Amino acid sequence: MSLLHRRPLRVLALPAVPAFLALAGCAPADSGGRVDPPPAPPAAVAELCAALHEELPETVDGLARTPTSPESDLTAAWGGSAIVLRCGIPKPPKMADPQQDGVEVNGVAWLVEKPEEGGLRFTTGARLAYTEIRVAKEHATDASVLVGLSAAVARTVPVGISSY
């Protein structure tokens, strides 16, 4: 059973989303910001997230990596709150919906969502740890933000079905 429905996806041609992706407590794009880590994942998932954290790129979509508060191996950010990563999240309920869009980038499958707040949310599928990427509206025009992030996920989080 596939985790992602494989409909043709128009991610590279997505129109700009109308509202800014609001993450509670995040700072402006040129500084670090508050990124709440997910609830404590199982130890095996936390280890995979720590390995991913070490492999994450210094820049994503032209934005430099910025510090997060609280500091955690489960979170990362680029451009302040413009692009935010959380690793070790519980399985999103929409992962089981065959009507959801998905895209594959560098061998990593991603669930694609347009949150009501605006921007885009990408969540890995078919990996032993779920990783979520939230992208603010001004950077949510295509899946280019996933290129370097997918490479890091592919190197550190094995293919499989997470039980978390």
N, C-alpha and C. Protein backbone atom coordinates (compact mmCIF):
# COMPACT_ATOMS: atom_id res chain seq x y z
N MET A 1 0.84 -1.18 0.00
CA MET A 1 0.00 0.00 0.00
C MET A 1 0.88 1.24 0.00
N SER A 2 0.62 2.13 -0.89
CA SER A 2 1.41 3.34 -1.02
C SER A 2 0.96 4.39 -0.01
N LEU A 3 1.90 5.12 0.55
CA LEU A 3 1.56 6.17 1.49
C LEU A 3 1.09 7.43 0.79
N LEU A 4 1.50 7.61 -0.44
CA LEU A 4 1.13 8.82 -1.17
C LEU A 4 0.42 8.44 -2.45
N HIS A 5 -0.63 9.14 -2.74
CA HIS A 5 -1.33 8.94 -4.01
C HIS A 5 -0.46 9.53 -5.11
N ARG A 6 -0.28 8.86 -6.18
CA ARG A 6 0.62 9.28 -7.25
C ARG A 6 -0.16 9.95 -8.39
N ARG A 7 -0.91 10.99 -8.10
CA ARG A 7 -1.55 11.76 -9.16
C ARG A 7 -0.52 12.69 -9.76
N PRO A 8 -0.69 13.10 -11.01
CA PRO A 8 0.22 14.10 -11.55
C PRO A 8 0.18 15.34 -10.66
N LEU A 9 1.31 15.90 -10.39
CA LEU A 9 1.39 17.02 -9.47
C LEU A 9 1.89 18.25 -10.16
N ARG A 10 1.32 19.35 -9.81
CA ARG A 10 1.66 20.62 -10.42
C ARG A 10 2.49 21.47 -9.47
N VAL A 11 3.33 20.88 -8.65
CA VAL A 11 4.07 21.63 -7.64
C VAL A 11 4.96 22.68 -8.26
N LEU A 12 5.61 22.39 -9.37
CA LEU A 12 6.52 23.35 -9.96
C LEU A 12 5.79 24.54 -10.57
N ALA A 13 4.48 24.45 -10.71
CA ALA A 13 3.73 25.56 -11.30
C ALA A 13 2.69 26.11 -10.33
N LEU A 14 2.87 25.88 -9.04
CA LEU A 14 1.89 26.37 -8.07
C LEU A 14 1.86 27.89 -8.05
N PRO A 15 0.68 28.47 -8.03
CA PRO A 15 0.60 29.93 -7.89
C PRO A 15 0.99 30.32 -6.47
N ALA A 16 1.37 31.54 -6.31
CA ALA A 16 1.69 32.02 -4.96
C ALA A 16 0.45 31.87 -4.09
N VAL A 17 0.66 31.47 -2.85
CA VAL A 17 -0.44 31.27 -1.93
C VAL A 17 -0.73 32.59 -1.24
N PRO A 18 -2.02 32.97 -1.03
CA PRO A 18 -2.37 34.32 -0.63
C PRO A 18 -1.97 34.78 0.76
N ALA A 19 -1.76 33.92 1.70
CA ALA A 19 -1.47 34.41 3.05
C ALA A 19 -0.12 33.91 3.54
N PHE A 20 0.50 34.67 4.41
CA PHE A 20 1.81 34.31 4.97
C PHE A 20 1.65 33.13 5.91
N LEU A 21 2.58 32.21 5.84
CA LEU A 21 2.56 31.06 6.74
C LEU A 21 2.92 31.54 8.14
N ALA A 22 1.95 31.53 9.02
CA ALA A 22 2.17 32.04 10.38
C ALA A 22 2.54 30.89 11.29
N LEU A 23 3.71 30.97 11.87
CA LEU A 23 4.14 30.00 12.87
C LEU A 23 4.23 30.75 14.18
N ALA A 24 3.48 30.33 15.14
CA ALA A 24 3.40 31.06 16.41
C ALA A 24 4.78 31.28 17.00
N GLY A 25 5.06 32.52 17.33
CA GLY A 25 6.30 32.85 18.01
C GLY A 25 7.51 32.96 17.13
N CYS A 26 7.38 32.87 15.81
CA CYS A 26 8.55 32.94 14.95
C CYS A 26 8.97 34.39 14.76
N ALA A 27 10.27 34.58 14.61
CA ALA A 27 10.83 35.91 14.46
C ALA A 27 10.86 36.29 12.99
N PRO A 28 11.20 37.54 12.67
CA PRO A 28 11.33 37.96 11.28
C PRO A 28 12.34 37.09 10.53
N ALA A 29 12.27 37.15 9.20
CA ALA A 29 13.05 36.25 8.35
C ALA A 29 14.55 36.39 8.49
N ASP A 30 15.08 37.49 8.99
CA ASP A 30 16.53 37.64 9.04
C ASP A 30 17.13 37.22 10.38
N SER A 31 16.33 36.69 11.29
CA SER A 31 16.86 36.25 12.57
C SER A 31 16.33 34.87 12.88
N GLY A 32 16.81 34.29 13.96
CA GLY A 32 16.30 33.00 14.38
C GLY A 32 14.89 33.17 14.92
N GLY A 33 14.26 32.07 15.22
CA GLY A 33 12.91 32.16 15.74
C GLY A 33 12.53 30.95 16.54
N ARG A 34 11.39 31.05 17.18
CA ARG A 34 10.87 29.94 17.96
C ARG A 34 10.28 28.90 17.01
N VAL A 35 10.74 27.68 17.15
CA VAL A 35 10.20 26.55 16.41
C VAL A 35 9.96 25.45 17.43
N ASP A 36 8.71 25.18 17.70
CA ASP A 36 8.39 24.17 18.69
C ASP A 36 8.72 22.78 18.17
N PRO A 37 9.56 22.04 18.89
CA PRO A 37 9.84 20.66 18.48
C PRO A 37 8.57 19.82 18.61
N PRO A 38 8.48 18.75 17.84
CA PRO A 38 7.33 17.86 18.00
C PRO A 38 7.40 17.18 19.37
N PRO A 39 6.29 16.56 19.81
CA PRO A 39 6.33 15.80 21.06
C PRO A 39 7.46 14.77 20.97
N ALA A 40 8.03 14.43 22.10
CA ALA A 40 9.18 13.51 22.13
C ALA A 40 8.89 12.23 21.35
N PRO A 41 9.61 12.04 20.23
CA PRO A 41 9.42 10.80 19.46
C PRO A 41 10.14 9.63 20.13
N PRO A 42 9.86 8.41 19.68
CA PRO A 42 10.60 7.25 20.19
C PRO A 42 12.11 7.44 19.95
N ALA A 43 12.92 6.79 20.76
CA ALA A 43 14.38 6.95 20.70
C ALA A 43 14.93 6.68 19.30
N ALA A 44 14.46 5.65 18.62
CA ALA A 44 14.97 5.32 17.28
C ALA A 44 14.68 6.45 16.30
N VAL A 45 13.52 7.07 16.41
CA VAL A 45 13.16 8.19 15.53
C VAL A 45 14.02 9.40 15.88
N ALA A 46 14.21 9.67 17.17
CA ALA A 46 15.05 10.80 17.60
C ALA A 46 16.47 10.65 17.09
N GLU A 47 17.00 9.42 17.06
CA GLU A 47 18.35 9.19 16.53
C GLU A 47 18.42 9.51 15.04
N LEU A 48 17.40 9.11 14.28
CA LEU A 48 17.37 9.42 12.85
C LEU A 48 17.29 10.93 12.64
N CYS A 49 16.51 11.60 13.45
CA CYS A 49 16.38 13.07 13.35
C CYS A 49 17.70 13.75 13.68
N ALA A 50 18.42 13.25 14.66
CA ALA A 50 19.73 13.82 15.01
C ALA A 50 20.70 13.66 13.85
N ALA A 51 20.67 12.50 13.20
CA ALA A 51 21.53 12.28 12.03
C ALA A 51 21.15 13.23 10.90
N LEU A 52 19.85 13.41 10.67
CA LEU A 52 19.38 14.34 9.65
C LEU A 52 19.83 15.76 9.98
N HIS A 53 19.70 16.15 11.22
CA HIS A 53 20.07 17.51 11.66
C HIS A 53 21.52 17.82 11.29
N GLU A 54 22.40 16.84 11.43
CA GLU A 54 23.82 17.02 11.10
C GLU A 54 24.06 17.16 9.60
N GLU A 55 23.18 16.62 8.78
CA GLU A 55 23.35 16.62 7.32
C GLU A 55 22.60 17.74 6.60
N LEU A 56 21.82 18.51 7.32
CA LEU A 56 21.01 19.55 6.68
C LEU A 56 21.89 20.60 6.03
N PRO A 57 21.47 21.13 4.89
CA PRO A 57 22.28 22.13 4.19
C PRO A 57 22.31 23.47 4.93
N GLU A 58 23.36 24.23 4.68
CA GLU A 58 23.50 25.56 5.28
C GLU A 58 22.60 26.59 4.61
N THR A 59 22.23 26.33 3.35
CA THR A 59 21.29 27.22 2.66
C THR A 59 20.21 26.40 2.00
N VAL A 60 19.01 26.95 1.97
CA VAL A 60 17.87 26.35 1.28
C VAL A 60 17.17 27.48 0.53
N ASP A 61 17.01 27.30 -0.76
CA ASP A 61 16.32 28.28 -1.60
C ASP A 61 16.96 29.67 -1.45
N GLY A 62 18.28 29.69 -1.29
CA GLY A 62 19.02 30.94 -1.16
C GLY A 62 18.99 31.55 0.23
N LEU A 63 18.37 30.89 1.20
CA LEU A 63 18.28 31.41 2.57
C LEU A 63 19.26 30.67 3.48
N ALA A 64 19.94 31.43 4.33
CA ALA A 64 20.91 30.86 5.26
C ALA A 64 20.19 30.19 6.44
N ARG A 65 20.81 29.14 6.94
CA ARG A 65 20.29 28.47 8.13
C ARG A 65 20.39 29.41 9.32
N THR A 66 19.35 29.44 10.13
CA THR A 66 19.30 30.33 11.28
C THR A 66 19.03 29.52 12.54
N PRO A 67 19.44 30.04 13.69
CA PRO A 67 19.21 29.30 14.94
C PRO A 67 17.72 29.22 15.27
N THR A 68 17.36 28.18 16.00
CA THR A 68 15.98 28.02 16.46
C THR A 68 15.97 28.03 17.99
N SER A 69 14.84 28.40 18.52
CA SER A 69 14.66 28.39 19.97
C SER A 69 13.35 27.69 20.27
N PRO A 70 13.36 26.69 21.11
CA PRO A 70 14.52 26.13 21.77
C PRO A 70 15.39 25.35 20.79
N GLU A 71 16.68 25.27 21.08
CA GLU A 71 17.59 24.51 20.24
C GLU A 71 17.24 23.03 20.36
N SER A 72 17.16 22.35 19.20
CA SER A 72 16.76 20.94 19.21
C SER A 72 17.24 20.26 17.94
N ASP A 73 17.62 18.99 18.07
CA ASP A 73 17.96 18.18 16.89
C ASP A 73 16.72 17.84 16.07
N LEU A 74 15.53 18.19 16.57
CA LEU A 74 14.28 17.90 15.87
C LEU A 74 13.81 19.07 15.02
N THR A 75 14.53 20.20 15.06
CA THR A 75 14.10 21.39 14.32
C THR A 75 15.26 22.06 13.60
N ALA A 76 14.91 22.82 12.57
CA ALA A 76 15.88 23.65 11.85
C ALA A 76 15.09 24.73 11.13
N ALA A 77 15.78 25.82 10.77
CA ALA A 77 15.10 26.90 10.05
C ALA A 77 16.10 27.58 9.12
N TRP A 78 15.57 28.18 8.08
CA TRP A 78 16.34 28.95 7.11
C TRP A 78 15.61 30.26 6.89
N GLY A 79 16.37 31.35 6.87
CA GLY A 79 15.73 32.65 6.67
C GLY A 79 14.79 33.01 7.81
N GLY A 80 15.17 32.74 9.05
CA GLY A 80 14.28 32.97 10.20
C GLY A 80 13.17 31.95 10.17
N SER A 81 11.97 32.39 9.88
CA SER A 81 10.83 31.47 9.83
C SER A 81 10.33 31.23 8.41
N ALA A 82 11.12 31.62 7.41
CA ALA A 82 10.68 31.44 6.02
C ALA A 82 10.56 29.96 5.66
N ILE A 83 11.51 29.14 6.12
CA ILE A 83 11.47 27.70 5.88
C ILE A 83 11.79 27.03 7.21
N VAL A 84 10.89 26.19 7.68
CA VAL A 84 11.04 25.57 8.99
C VAL A 84 10.90 24.05 8.85
N LEU A 85 11.80 23.31 9.49
CA LEU A 85 11.78 21.85 9.47
C LEU A 85 11.52 21.35 10.88
N ARG A 86 10.66 20.32 10.97
CA ARG A 86 10.45 19.59 12.23
C ARG A 86 10.52 18.11 11.90
N CYS A 87 11.42 17.40 12.55
CA CYS A 87 11.61 15.97 12.32
C CYS A 87 11.06 15.20 13.51
N GLY A 88 10.50 14.03 13.25
CA GLY A 88 9.97 13.19 14.32
C GLY A 88 8.54 13.51 14.66
N ILE A 89 7.81 14.10 13.71
CA ILE A 89 6.40 14.38 13.96
C ILE A 89 5.61 13.07 13.88
N PRO A 90 4.46 13.01 14.55
CA PRO A 90 3.60 11.84 14.38
C PRO A 90 3.08 11.77 12.94
N LYS A 91 2.65 10.60 12.53
CA LYS A 91 2.12 10.42 11.17
C LYS A 91 0.93 11.35 10.96
N PRO A 92 0.99 12.20 9.93
CA PRO A 92 -0.14 13.08 9.65
C PRO A 92 -1.35 12.27 9.18
N PRO A 93 -2.54 12.57 9.68
CA PRO A 93 -3.74 11.85 9.24
C PRO A 93 -3.95 11.91 7.73
N LYS A 94 -3.59 13.02 7.10
CA LYS A 94 -3.79 13.16 5.66
C LYS A 94 -2.89 12.22 4.85
N MET A 95 -1.91 11.62 5.50
CA MET A 95 -1.01 10.69 4.81
C MET A 95 -1.79 9.50 4.24
N ALA A 96 -2.90 9.16 4.86
CA ALA A 96 -3.71 8.01 4.41
C ALA A 96 -4.75 8.39 3.37
N ASP A 97 -4.89 9.67 3.05
CA ASP A 97 -5.91 10.13 2.11
C ASP A 97 -5.40 10.00 0.67
N PRO A 98 -6.01 9.12 -0.13
CA PRO A 98 -5.53 8.93 -1.51
C PRO A 98 -5.76 10.15 -2.41
N GLN A 99 -6.54 11.13 -1.96
CA GLN A 99 -6.79 12.33 -2.75
C GLN A 99 -5.71 13.40 -2.55
N GLN A 100 -4.81 13.20 -1.61
CA GLN A 100 -3.76 14.18 -1.35
C GLN A 100 -2.71 14.14 -2.45
N ASP A 101 -2.14 15.30 -2.73
CA ASP A 101 -1.07 15.39 -3.72
C ASP A 101 0.26 14.99 -3.10
N GLY A 102 1.12 14.45 -3.93
CA GLY A 102 2.45 14.09 -3.50
C GLY A 102 3.44 14.37 -4.61
N VAL A 103 4.68 14.47 -4.23
CA VAL A 103 5.76 14.69 -5.19
C VAL A 103 6.97 13.90 -4.71
N GLU A 104 7.80 13.49 -5.64
CA GLU A 104 9.05 12.81 -5.29
C GLU A 104 10.20 13.69 -5.74
N VAL A 105 11.12 13.96 -4.82
CA VAL A 105 12.29 14.79 -5.11
C VAL A 105 13.52 14.04 -4.61
N ASN A 106 14.46 13.80 -5.50
CA ASN A 106 15.70 13.10 -5.15
C ASN A 106 15.44 11.79 -4.41
N GLY A 107 14.43 11.05 -4.85
CA GLY A 107 14.15 9.74 -4.26
C GLY A 107 13.36 9.79 -2.96
N VAL A 108 12.91 10.96 -2.54
CA VAL A 108 12.14 11.09 -1.31
C VAL A 108 10.72 11.51 -1.67
N ALA A 109 9.73 10.76 -1.17
CA ALA A 109 8.32 11.08 -1.40
C ALA A 109 7.86 12.10 -0.36
N TRP A 110 7.09 13.08 -0.83
CA TRP A 110 6.58 14.15 0.04
C TRP A 110 5.08 14.31 -0.17
N LEU A 111 4.33 14.40 0.92
CA LEU A 111 2.93 14.81 0.90
C LEU A 111 2.95 16.33 0.77
N VAL A 112 2.08 16.88 -0.07
CA VAL A 112 2.03 18.33 -0.30
C VAL A 112 0.69 18.86 0.18
N GLU A 113 0.74 19.87 1.06
CA GLU A 113 -0.49 20.49 1.57
C GLU A 113 -0.39 22.00 1.48
N LYS A 114 -1.54 22.64 1.29
CA LYS A 114 -1.65 24.10 1.33
C LYS A 114 -2.44 24.46 2.59
N PRO A 115 -1.74 24.77 3.68
CA PRO A 115 -2.45 25.10 4.92
C PRO A 115 -3.32 26.35 4.76
N GLU A 116 -4.36 26.45 5.57
CA GLU A 116 -5.25 27.61 5.54
C GLU A 116 -4.49 28.91 5.78
N GLU A 117 -3.41 28.84 6.59
CA GLU A 117 -2.61 30.03 6.90
C GLU A 117 -1.81 30.52 5.70
N GLY A 118 -1.71 29.71 4.66
CA GLY A 118 -0.93 30.07 3.49
C GLY A 118 0.38 29.31 3.45
N GLY A 119 1.15 29.54 2.41
CA GLY A 119 2.41 28.83 2.23
C GLY A 119 2.18 27.39 1.81
N LEU A 120 3.17 26.56 2.05
CA LEU A 120 3.08 25.13 1.75
C LEU A 120 3.62 24.33 2.92
N ARG A 121 3.12 23.10 3.04
CA ARG A 121 3.66 22.15 4.03
C ARG A 121 3.95 20.87 3.27
N PHE A 122 5.18 20.39 3.40
CA PHE A 122 5.61 19.14 2.81
C PHE A 122 5.94 18.18 3.95
N THR A 123 5.51 16.91 3.83
CA THR A 123 5.82 15.91 4.85
C THR A 123 6.33 14.65 4.16
N THR A 124 7.46 14.13 4.64
CA THR A 124 8.01 12.92 4.03
C THR A 124 7.06 11.75 4.25
N GLY A 125 7.08 10.86 3.28
CA GLY A 125 6.33 9.62 3.38
C GLY A 125 7.28 8.47 3.10
N ALA A 126 6.90 7.28 3.52
CA ALA A 126 7.69 6.07 3.26
C ALA A 126 9.11 6.17 3.82
N ARG A 127 9.26 6.81 4.98
CA ARG A 127 10.54 6.92 5.69
C ARG A 127 10.30 6.54 7.14
N LEU A 128 11.35 6.12 7.83
CA LEU A 128 11.22 5.67 9.21
C LEU A 128 11.05 6.80 10.21
N ALA A 129 11.12 8.03 9.75
CA ALA A 129 10.79 9.20 10.59
C ALA A 129 10.09 10.21 9.68
N TYR A 130 8.98 10.75 10.16
CA TYR A 130 8.26 11.77 9.39
C TYR A 130 8.92 13.13 9.63
N THR A 131 9.17 13.84 8.53
CA THR A 131 9.76 15.17 8.59
C THR A 131 8.84 16.14 7.87
N GLU A 132 8.57 17.25 8.54
CA GLU A 132 7.68 18.28 8.00
C GLU A 132 8.49 19.53 7.65
N ILE A 133 8.21 20.10 6.48
CA ILE A 133 8.81 21.35 6.05
C ILE A 133 7.67 22.34 5.84
N ARG A 134 7.72 23.48 6.51
CA ARG A 134 6.74 24.55 6.31
C ARG A 134 7.44 25.68 5.57
N VAL A 135 6.82 26.14 4.52
CA VAL A 135 7.43 27.16 3.66
C VAL A 135 6.49 28.36 3.60
N ALA A 136 7.03 29.54 3.93
CA ALA A 136 6.25 30.77 3.90
C ALA A 136 5.87 31.12 2.46
N LYS A 137 4.83 31.89 2.32
CA LYS A 137 4.24 32.22 1.03
C LYS A 137 5.26 32.69 -0.01
N GLU A 138 6.15 33.56 0.35
CA GLU A 138 7.07 34.12 -0.65
C GLU A 138 8.08 33.10 -1.17
N HIS A 139 8.20 31.96 -0.55
CA HIS A 139 9.10 30.90 -1.01
C HIS A 139 8.32 29.67 -1.46
N ALA A 140 7.00 29.75 -1.48
CA ALA A 140 6.15 28.60 -1.76
C ALA A 140 5.66 28.56 -3.19
N THR A 141 6.52 28.90 -4.14
CA THR A 141 6.10 28.89 -5.53
C THR A 141 6.38 27.58 -6.23
N ASP A 142 7.28 26.75 -5.70
CA ASP A 142 7.55 25.45 -6.29
C ASP A 142 8.24 24.55 -5.27
N ALA A 143 8.64 23.37 -5.70
CA ALA A 143 9.25 22.39 -4.80
C ALA A 143 10.76 22.52 -4.72
N SER A 144 11.33 23.61 -5.23
CA SER A 144 12.80 23.74 -5.22
C SER A 144 13.38 23.72 -3.81
N VAL A 145 12.60 24.11 -2.81
CA VAL A 145 13.10 24.07 -1.44
C VAL A 145 13.41 22.65 -0.99
N LEU A 146 12.84 21.66 -1.67
CA LEU A 146 13.02 20.27 -1.26
C LEU A 146 14.29 19.62 -1.80
N VAL A 147 14.97 20.25 -2.74
CA VAL A 147 16.11 19.60 -3.40
C VAL A 147 17.19 19.22 -2.39
N GLY A 148 17.77 20.18 -1.70
CA GLY A 148 18.82 19.89 -0.72
C GLY A 148 18.30 19.14 0.49
N LEU A 149 17.08 19.46 0.90
CA LEU A 149 16.50 18.78 2.05
C LEU A 149 16.24 17.31 1.74
N SER A 150 15.77 17.02 0.53
CA SER A 150 15.53 15.62 0.14
C SER A 150 16.82 14.82 0.13
N ALA A 151 17.89 15.43 -0.34
CA ALA A 151 19.19 14.74 -0.37
C ALA A 151 19.61 14.37 1.05
N ALA A 152 19.43 15.28 2.01
CA ALA A 152 19.80 15.00 3.41
C ALA A 152 18.91 13.91 3.99
N VAL A 153 17.60 13.95 3.70
CA VAL A 153 16.68 12.92 4.18
C VAL A 153 17.08 11.56 3.60
N ALA A 154 17.35 11.51 2.31
CA ALA A 154 17.71 10.25 1.65
C ALA A 154 18.97 9.63 2.27
N ARG A 155 19.92 10.46 2.69
CA ARG A 155 21.17 9.95 3.29
C ARG A 155 21.00 9.47 4.71
N THR A 156 20.00 9.97 5.44
CA THR A 156 19.96 9.72 6.88
C THR A 156 18.73 9.00 7.42
N VAL A 157 17.63 9.06 6.70
CA VAL A 157 16.38 8.44 7.18
C VAL A 157 15.99 7.33 6.21
N PRO A 158 16.17 6.09 6.63
CA PRO A 158 15.91 4.95 5.73
C PRO A 158 14.46 4.88 5.25
N VAL A 159 14.29 4.28 4.09
CA VAL A 159 12.97 4.01 3.55
C VAL A 159 12.30 2.98 4.46
N GLY A 160 11.01 3.16 4.67
CA GLY A 160 10.24 2.23 5.50
C GLY A 160 8.97 2.91 5.94
N ILE A 161 8.22 2.21 6.75
CA ILE A 161 6.98 2.75 7.28
C ILE A 161 7.18 3.00 8.78
N SER A 162 7.07 4.25 9.17
CA SER A 162 7.23 4.61 10.56
C SER A 162 6.02 4.15 11.35
N SER A 163 6.25 3.56 12.50
CA SER A 163 5.14 3.14 13.36
C SER A 163 4.72 4.27 14.29
N TYR A 164 5.41 5.38 14.23
CA TYR A 164 5.10 6.53 15.10
C TYR A 164 4.20 7.49 14.40
